Amino acid sequence: NGGGGGGAALTCETGCELLFDCGLTGTPPLCVYMEADHDGFVPECIAGCMEQPALLALLDPEDCPGNIMTVSTVNPAFNDFCDNGPGQGGAGGAQ
């Protein structure tokens, strides 16, 4: 039965769900645009995570603001999504 370090290690799936949930915490939410885009965000996040699995080590289930700040710093696309919502093809989005 596979042991593990302190606490359950995050997988890309659980890490992305954590990040999504973190984006919705706070008033106003840390990433106000996440709410409407769970089905778009999580698969894209998982794909990005597969390319950069080291990012999982930076996530802390107890520190949502820190998680959002950390990922925004290393991933400009996430930062843009967090601040501005989904890009191309959004309602009324500029071409």
C-alpha atoms as a PDB file:
ATOM      1  CA  ASN A   1       0.000   0.000   0.000  1.00  0.00           C
ATOM      2  CA  GLY A   2       1.751   3.102  -1.274  1.00  0.00           C
ATOM      3  CA  GLY A   3       2.883   5.328   1.535  1.00  0.00           C
ATOM      4  CA  GLY A   4       3.453   9.010   1.011  1.00  0.00           C
ATOM      5  CA  GLY A   5       4.870  12.148   2.502  1.00  0.00           C
ATOM      6  CA  GLY A   6       3.014  14.421   4.860  1.00  0.00           C
ATOM      7  CA  GLY A   7      -0.524  14.491   3.591  1.00  0.00           C
ATOM      8  CA  ALA A   8      -1.850  13.297   0.273  1.00  0.00           C
ATOM      9  CA  ALA A   9       0.210  14.391  -2.697  1.00  0.00           C
ATOM     10  CA  LEU A  10      -1.811  16.370  -5.203  1.00  0.00           C
ATOM     11  CA  THR A  11      -2.396  14.942  -8.663  1.00  0.00           C
ATOM     12  CA  CYS A  12      -3.032  17.141 -11.678  1.00  0.00           C
ATOM     13  CA  GLU A  13      -6.737  16.472 -11.230  1.00  0.00           C
ATOM     14  CA  THR A  14      -6.900  17.260  -7.520  1.00  0.00           C
ATOM     15  CA  GLY A  15      -4.497  20.171  -7.888  1.00  0.00           C
ATOM     16  CA  CYS A  16      -6.619  21.740 -10.610  1.00  0.00           C
ATOM     17  CA  GLU A  17      -9.814  21.239  -8.625  1.00  0.00           C
ATOM     18  CA  LEU A  18      -8.056  22.859  -5.657  1.00  0.00           C
ATOM     19  CA  LEU A  19      -7.016  25.793  -7.819  1.00  0.00           C
ATOM     20  CA  PHE A  20     -10.551  26.138  -9.177  1.00  0.00           C
ATOM     21  CA  ASP A  21     -12.041  26.077  -5.677  1.00  0.00           C
ATOM     22  CA  CYS A  22      -9.420  28.588  -4.538  1.00  0.00           C
ATOM     23  CA  GLY A  23     -10.375  30.921  -7.362  1.00  0.00           C
ATOM     24  CA  LEU A  24     -13.913  31.058  -5.989  1.00  0.00           C
ATOM     25  CA  THR A  25     -12.955  31.791  -2.378  1.00  0.00           C
ATOM     26  CA  GLY A  26     -13.007  35.254  -0.899  1.00  0.00           C
ATOM     27  CA  THR A  27     -15.189  38.324  -1.346  1.00  0.00           C
ATOM     28  CA  PRO A  28     -14.831  39.218  -4.103  1.00  0.00           C
ATOM     29  CA  PRO A  29     -13.580  35.841  -5.357  1.00  0.00           C
ATOM     30  CA  LEU A  30      -9.844  35.617  -6.012  1.00  0.00           C
ATOM     31  CA  CYS A  31     -10.612  34.748  -9.651  1.00  0.00           C
ATOM     32  CA  VAL A  32     -14.054  36.127 -10.258  1.00  0.00           C
ATOM     33  CA  TYR A  33     -14.279  34.647 -13.758  1.00  0.00           C
ATOM     34  CA  MET A  34     -13.707  31.049 -12.727  1.00  0.00           C
ATOM     35  CA  GLU A  35     -17.246  30.459 -11.556  1.00  0.00           C
ATOM     36  CA  ALA A  36     -18.698  30.197 -15.039  1.00  0.00           C
ATOM     37  CA  ASP A  37     -15.949  28.073 -16.507  1.00  0.00           C
ATOM     38  CA  HIS A  38     -15.302  24.931 -14.466  1.00  0.00           C
ATOM     39  CA  ASP A  39     -15.693  22.688 -17.525  1.00  0.00           C
ATOM     40  CA  GLY A  40     -13.308  24.846 -19.536  1.00  0.00           C
ATOM     41  CA  PHE A  41     -10.764  25.520 -16.819  1.00  0.00           C
ATOM     42  CA  VAL A  42     -10.172  22.122 -15.270  1.00  0.00           C
ATOM     43  CA  PRO A  43      -9.304  20.119 -18.423  1.00  0.00           C
ATOM     44  CA  GLU A  44      -7.058  22.933 -19.651  1.00  0.00           C
ATOM     45  CA  CYS A  45      -5.422  23.139 -16.233  1.00  0.00           C
ATOM     46  CA  ILE A  46      -4.824  19.373 -16.217  1.00  0.00           C
ATOM     47  CA  ALA A  47      -3.220  19.568 -19.660  1.00  0.00           C
ATOM     48  CA  GLY A  48      -0.946  22.382 -18.474  1.00  0.00           C
ATOM     49  CA  CYS A  49      -0.162  20.468 -15.312  1.00  0.00           C
ATOM     50  CA  MET A  50       0.953  17.453 -17.350  1.00  0.00           C
ATOM     51  CA  GLU A  51       3.501  19.746 -19.021  1.00  0.00           C
ATOM     52  CA  GLN A  52       4.656  21.323 -15.738  1.00  0.00           C
ATOM     53  CA  PRO A  53       4.041  18.774 -12.978  1.00  0.00           C
ATOM     54  CA  ALA A  54       6.520  20.551 -10.695  1.00  0.00           C
ATOM     55  CA  LEU A  55       3.875  23.228 -10.134  1.00  0.00           C
ATOM     56  CA  LEU A  56       1.905  20.800  -7.979  1.00  0.00           C
ATOM     57  CA  ALA A  57       4.611  21.019  -5.332  1.00  0.00           C
ATOM     58  CA  LEU A  58       3.936  24.758  -5.051  1.00  0.00           C
ATOM     59  CA  LEU A  59       0.262  24.365  -4.159  1.00  0.00           C
ATOM     60  CA  ASP A  60      -0.822  24.482  -0.525  1.00  0.00           C
ATOM     61  CA  PRO A  61      -4.360  23.271   0.249  1.00  0.00           C
ATOM     62  CA  GLU A  62      -4.398  25.694   3.200  1.00  0.00           C
ATOM     63  CA  ASP A  63      -3.349  28.823   1.292  1.00  0.00           C
ATOM     64  CA  CYS A  64      -5.696  29.779  -1.536  1.00  0.00           C
ATOM     65  CA  PRO A  65      -4.447  33.364  -2.012  1.00  0.00           C
ATOM     66  CA  GLY A  66      -0.893  32.058  -2.150  1.00  0.00           C
ATOM     67  CA  ASN A  67      -1.851  29.386  -4.670  1.00  0.00           C
ATOM     68  CA  ILE A  68      -3.533  31.872  -6.998  1.00  0.00           C
ATOM     69  CA  MET A  69      -0.597  34.272  -6.724  1.00  0.00           C
ATOM     70  CA  THR A  70       1.969  31.522  -7.320  1.00  0.00           C
ATOM     71  CA  VAL A  71       0.271  30.093 -10.391  1.00  0.00           C
ATOM     72  CA  SER A  72      -0.464  33.569 -11.766  1.00  0.00           C
ATOM     73  CA  THR A  73       3.228  34.382 -11.474  1.00  0.00           C
ATOM     74  CA  VAL A  74       4.466  31.294 -13.318  1.00  0.00           C
ATOM     75  CA  ASN A  75       1.593  31.023 -15.794  1.00  0.00           C
ATOM     76  CA  PRO A  76       0.628  34.253 -17.592  1.00  0.00           C
ATOM     77  CA  ALA A  77      -2.309  32.516 -19.279  1.00  0.00           C
ATOM     78  CA  PHE A  78      -3.780  31.614 -15.905  1.00  0.00           C
ATOM     79  CA  ASN A  79      -3.190  35.158 -14.671  1.00  0.00           C
ATOM     80  CA  ASP A  80      -5.005  36.553 -17.701  1.00  0.00           C
ATOM     81  CA  PHE A  81      -7.893  34.112 -17.257  1.00  0.00           C
ATOM     82  CA  CYS A  82      -8.139  34.934 -13.567  1.00  0.00           C
ATOM     83  CA  ASP A  83      -8.250  38.684 -14.213  1.00  0.00           C
ATOM     84  CA  ASN A  84     -10.110  38.852 -17.510  1.00  0.00           C
ATOM     85  CA  GLY A  85     -12.038  35.638 -17.967  1.00  0.00           C
ATOM     86  CA  PRO A  86     -11.887  33.170 -20.848  1.00  0.00           C
ATOM     87  CA  GLY A  87     -10.261  34.688 -23.898  1.00  0.00           C
ATOM     88  CA  GLN A  88     -11.177  33.934 -27.502  1.00  0.00           C
ATOM     89  CA  GLY A  89     -14.800  33.538 -28.458  1.00  0.00           C
ATOM     90  CA  GLY A  90     -16.242  34.866 -25.223  1.00  0.00           C
ATOM     91  CA  ALA A  91     -19.475  36.852 -25.320  1.00  0.00           C
ATOM     92  CA  GLY A  92     -18.634  40.240 -26.725  1.00  0.00           C
ATOM     93  CA  GLY A  93     -14.923  39.486 -26.809  1.00  0.00           C
ATOM     94  CA  ALA A  94     -12.840  41.665 -29.102  1.00  0.00           C
ATOM     95  CA  GLN A  95     -11.496  39.939 -32.201  1.00  0.00           C
END
